[in-house]
Structures are given as structure tokens and as C-alpha cells.
């Protein structure tokens, strides 16, 4: 589920098109106050809020770095 935070884009609103893991904390806090949307996007936003609120964004670093390495072009041999 954590990998989805690094691949899914915000489908609507002020930050439409932005990767969920890159959403600002104040935007996630707004959802926490007003209510998360239903379905998978709501669950992912709630998870991202918990990660951000508890200062755990650094835990996404290894996943983010692993994705970059996987997306890098490979040398042909």
C-alpha cells in the first residue's frame, strides 16, 4: 500500500495530478478535519495523513529511491 502513495496521483481538487506522497501536510490536515473521500483514494489519503502527521515521511525514502532505480534505463550488454 505504501508504494501506491508514490505512484497514485491526486485525482481532483487543488493538487490534482500531484503524487499523494507529495501532498502538503495542511491539505492532508484539511481532509482529516472535513472527512476523507470514500474508497481507495480516501484510505490512501488517510494513510498519508498519518505518515505526515507523525513525522514518518522519511520511511517513504527507500521506496522512492527504489522506484527511481527501477525506472532508470538499463545499460544493454
N, C-alpha and C. Protein backbone atom coordinates (compact mmCIF):
# COMPACT_ATOMS: atom_id res chain seq x y z
N UNK A 1 0.82 -1.19 0.00
CA UNK A 1 0.00 0.00 0.00
C UNK A 1 0.86 1.26 0.00
N UNK A 2 2.03 1.19 0.65
CA UNK A 2 2.90 2.36 0.68
C UNK A 2 3.37 2.74 -0.72
N UNK A 3 3.60 1.74 -1.57
CA UNK A 3 4.04 2.05 -2.93
C UNK A 3 2.98 2.82 -3.70
N UNK A 4 1.71 2.60 -3.38
CA UNK A 4 0.65 3.35 -4.04
C UNK A 4 0.74 4.84 -3.74
N UNK A 5 1.23 5.19 -2.56
CA UNK A 5 1.39 6.60 -2.21
C UNK A 5 2.40 7.28 -3.13
N UNK A 6 3.32 6.50 -3.69
CA UNK A 6 4.36 7.04 -4.56
C UNK A 6 4.00 6.98 -6.04
N UNK A 7 2.88 6.34 -6.36
CA UNK A 7 2.50 6.20 -7.77
C UNK A 7 1.16 6.82 -8.10
N UNK A 8 0.26 6.89 -7.14
CA UNK A 8 -1.07 7.43 -7.40
C UNK A 8 -1.05 8.95 -7.36
N UNK A 9 -1.77 9.54 -8.29
CA UNK A 9 -1.90 10.99 -8.34
C UNK A 9 -3.23 11.40 -7.71
N UNK A 10 -3.24 12.59 -7.16
CA UNK A 10 -4.48 13.16 -6.63
C UNK A 10 -5.42 13.37 -7.80
N UNK A 11 -6.62 12.76 -7.77
CA UNK A 11 -7.49 12.81 -8.94
C UNK A 11 -8.35 14.07 -9.06
N UNK A 12 -8.36 14.90 -8.04
CA UNK A 12 -9.24 16.07 -8.07
C UNK A 12 -8.69 17.16 -7.15
N UNK A 13 -9.30 18.33 -7.22
CA UNK A 13 -9.02 19.39 -6.27
C UNK A 13 -7.80 20.23 -6.59
N UNK A 14 -7.43 21.00 -5.61
CA UNK A 14 -6.35 21.97 -5.72
C UNK A 14 -5.03 21.35 -6.16
N UNK A 15 -4.77 20.14 -5.75
CA UNK A 15 -3.50 19.47 -6.05
C UNK A 15 -3.68 18.31 -7.05
N UNK A 16 -4.67 18.42 -7.91
CA UNK A 16 -4.92 17.39 -8.93
C UNK A 16 -3.65 17.12 -9.72
N UNK A 17 -3.32 15.83 -9.88
CA UNK A 17 -2.15 15.43 -10.65
C UNK A 17 -0.88 15.27 -9.82
N UNK A 18 -0.91 15.70 -8.58
CA UNK A 18 0.27 15.58 -7.71
C UNK A 18 0.30 14.19 -7.07
N UNK A 19 1.48 13.61 -6.95
CA UNK A 19 1.64 12.30 -6.30
C UNK A 19 1.20 12.42 -4.84
N UNK A 20 0.44 11.43 -4.36
CA UNK A 20 -0.11 11.50 -3.00
C UNK A 20 0.98 11.71 -1.94
N UNK A 21 2.12 11.09 -2.09
CA UNK A 21 3.20 11.23 -1.11
C UNK A 21 3.76 12.64 -1.07
N UNK A 22 3.47 13.44 -2.11
CA UNK A 22 4.00 14.80 -2.18
C UNK A 22 2.97 15.87 -1.81
N UNK A 23 1.80 15.44 -1.34
CA UNK A 23 0.79 16.41 -0.93
C UNK A 23 1.23 17.13 0.34
N UNK A 24 0.95 18.43 0.42
CA UNK A 24 1.34 19.17 1.63
C UNK A 24 0.52 18.76 2.85
N UNK A 25 1.15 18.86 4.01
CA UNK A 25 0.51 18.47 5.26
C UNK A 25 -0.77 19.23 5.55
N UNK A 26 -0.82 20.52 5.22
CA UNK A 26 -2.03 21.29 5.53
C UNK A 26 -3.22 20.81 4.70
N UNK A 27 -2.96 20.32 3.50
CA UNK A 27 -4.03 19.76 2.65
C UNK A 27 -4.52 18.44 3.25
N UNK A 28 -3.60 17.60 3.70
CA UNK A 28 -3.98 16.34 4.35
C UNK A 28 -4.73 16.61 5.66
N UNK A 29 -4.31 17.64 6.40
CA UNK A 29 -5.00 18.01 7.64
C UNK A 29 -6.43 18.46 7.36
N UNK A 30 -6.63 19.17 6.25
CA UNK A 30 -7.97 19.61 5.88
C UNK A 30 -8.88 18.40 5.69
N UNK A 31 -8.38 17.39 4.97
CA UNK A 31 -9.18 16.17 4.78
C UNK A 31 -9.47 15.50 6.11
N UNK A 32 -8.49 15.47 7.00
CA UNK A 32 -8.69 14.84 8.31
C UNK A 32 -9.80 15.56 9.09
N UNK A 33 -9.88 16.87 8.96
CA UNK A 33 -10.92 17.64 9.64
C UNK A 33 -12.28 17.49 8.97
N UNK A 34 -12.28 17.58 7.64
CA UNK A 34 -13.54 17.63 6.88
C UNK A 34 -14.07 16.25 6.48
N UNK A 35 -13.20 15.26 6.47
CA UNK A 35 -13.60 13.91 6.09
C UNK A 35 -12.90 13.47 4.81
N UNK A 36 -12.38 12.27 4.84
CA UNK A 36 -11.71 11.71 3.67
C UNK A 36 -12.76 11.20 2.70
N UNK A 37 -12.48 11.26 1.40
CA UNK A 37 -13.44 10.73 0.44
C UNK A 37 -13.56 9.21 0.58
N UNK A 38 -14.65 8.65 0.06
CA UNK A 38 -14.82 7.20 0.15
C UNK A 38 -13.87 6.46 -0.78
N UNK A 39 -13.71 5.18 -0.51
CA UNK A 39 -12.95 4.31 -1.40
C UNK A 39 -11.46 4.34 -1.17
N UNK A 40 -10.75 3.80 -2.16
CA UNK A 40 -9.30 3.66 -2.06
C UNK A 40 -8.60 5.00 -1.89
N UNK A 41 -9.03 6.02 -2.61
CA UNK A 41 -8.35 7.32 -2.51
C UNK A 41 -8.46 7.86 -1.08
N UNK A 42 -9.59 7.68 -0.45
CA UNK A 42 -9.76 8.12 0.94
C UNK A 42 -8.85 7.36 1.89
N UNK A 43 -8.74 6.05 1.68
CA UNK A 43 -7.84 5.24 2.53
C UNK A 43 -6.39 5.67 2.34
N UNK A 44 -6.01 5.94 1.10
CA UNK A 44 -4.63 6.37 0.85
C UNK A 44 -4.35 7.75 1.43
N UNK A 45 -5.30 8.66 1.31
CA UNK A 45 -5.12 9.99 1.89
C UNK A 45 -5.04 9.92 3.41
N UNK A 46 -5.86 9.05 4.02
CA UNK A 46 -5.81 8.88 5.48
C UNK A 46 -4.46 8.31 5.90
N UNK A 47 -3.96 7.34 5.15
CA UNK A 47 -2.64 6.77 5.45
C UNK A 47 -1.56 7.83 5.31
N UNK A 48 -1.61 8.61 4.24
CA UNK A 48 -0.61 9.65 4.04
C UNK A 48 -0.68 10.70 5.14
N UNK A 49 -1.89 11.02 5.59
CA UNK A 49 -2.05 11.96 6.70
C UNK A 49 -1.36 11.43 7.96
N UNK A 50 -1.58 10.16 8.27
CA UNK A 50 -0.94 9.57 9.46
C UNK A 50 0.58 9.60 9.34
N UNK A 51 1.09 9.27 8.18
CA UNK A 51 2.54 9.29 7.96
C UNK A 51 3.08 10.69 8.14
N UNK A 52 2.42 11.66 7.51
CA UNK A 52 2.87 13.05 7.60
C UNK A 52 2.74 13.59 9.02
N UNK A 53 1.59 13.37 9.62
CA UNK A 53 1.31 13.90 10.96
C UNK A 53 2.28 13.37 12.01
N UNK A 54 2.72 12.14 11.84
CA UNK A 54 3.63 11.52 12.81
C UNK A 54 5.10 11.66 12.43
N UNK A 55 5.38 12.48 11.41
CA UNK A 55 6.76 12.75 11.03
C UNK A 55 7.48 11.54 10.45
N UNK A 56 6.75 10.72 9.71
CA UNK A 56 7.32 9.47 9.20
C UNK A 56 7.55 9.48 7.69
N UNK A 57 7.51 10.65 7.07
CA UNK A 57 7.70 10.70 5.61
C UNK A 57 9.03 10.10 5.18
N UNK A 58 10.02 10.16 6.06
CA UNK A 58 11.33 9.59 5.72
C UNK A 58 11.25 8.09 5.44
N UNK A 59 10.22 7.42 5.96
CA UNK A 59 10.06 6.00 5.70
C UNK A 59 9.75 5.70 4.24
N UNK A 60 9.25 6.70 3.53
CA UNK A 60 8.96 6.52 2.10
C UNK A 60 10.22 6.66 1.25
N UNK A 61 11.29 7.20 1.81
CA UNK A 61 12.53 7.43 1.07
C UNK A 61 13.08 6.19 0.40
N UNK A 62 13.26 5.09 1.12
CA UNK A 62 13.80 3.89 0.47
C UNK A 62 12.91 3.39 -0.67
N UNK A 63 11.60 3.48 -0.50
CA UNK A 63 10.69 3.07 -1.57
C UNK A 63 10.82 4.01 -2.77
N UNK A 64 10.92 5.30 -2.47
CA UNK A 64 11.05 6.30 -3.54
C UNK A 64 12.36 6.07 -4.29
N UNK A 65 13.44 5.83 -3.56
CA UNK A 65 14.74 5.60 -4.19
C UNK A 65 14.75 4.29 -4.98
N UNK A 66 14.09 3.28 -4.46
CA UNK A 66 14.00 2.00 -5.16
C UNK A 66 13.22 2.14 -6.46
N UNK A 67 12.20 2.97 -6.45
CA UNK A 67 11.42 3.22 -7.66
C UNK A 67 12.26 3.92 -8.71
N UNK A 68 13.06 4.89 -8.28
CA UNK A 68 13.92 5.60 -9.23
C UNK A 68 14.91 4.65 -9.88
N UNK A 69 15.47 3.76 -9.08
CA UNK A 69 16.43 2.80 -9.63
C UNK A 69 15.73 1.85 -10.61
N UNK A 70 14.52 1.45 -10.27
CA UNK A 70 13.78 0.54 -11.16
C UNK A 70 13.36 1.23 -12.45
N UNK A 71 13.11 2.54 -12.39
CA UNK A 71 12.67 3.28 -13.56
C UNK A 71 13.82 3.74 -14.44
N UNK A 72 15.04 3.68 -13.92
CA UNK A 72 16.22 4.14 -14.68
C UNK A 72 16.46 3.22 -15.87
N UNK A 73 16.89 3.81 -16.98
CA UNK A 73 17.20 2.95 -18.14
C UNK A 73 18.35 2.00 -17.82
N UNK A 74 18.25 0.82 -18.32
CA UNK A 74 19.29 -0.19 -18.07
C UNK A 74 20.24 -0.22 -19.26
N UNK A 75 21.50 -0.38 -18.94
CA UNK A 75 22.52 -0.49 -19.99
C UNK A 75 22.38 -1.84 -20.69
N UNK A 76 22.41 -1.82 -21.99
CA UNK A 76 22.33 -3.09 -22.70
C UNK A 76 23.71 -3.69 -22.79
N UNK A 77 23.78 -4.98 -22.71
CA UNK A 77 25.08 -5.61 -22.65
C UNK A 77 25.25 -6.56 -23.71
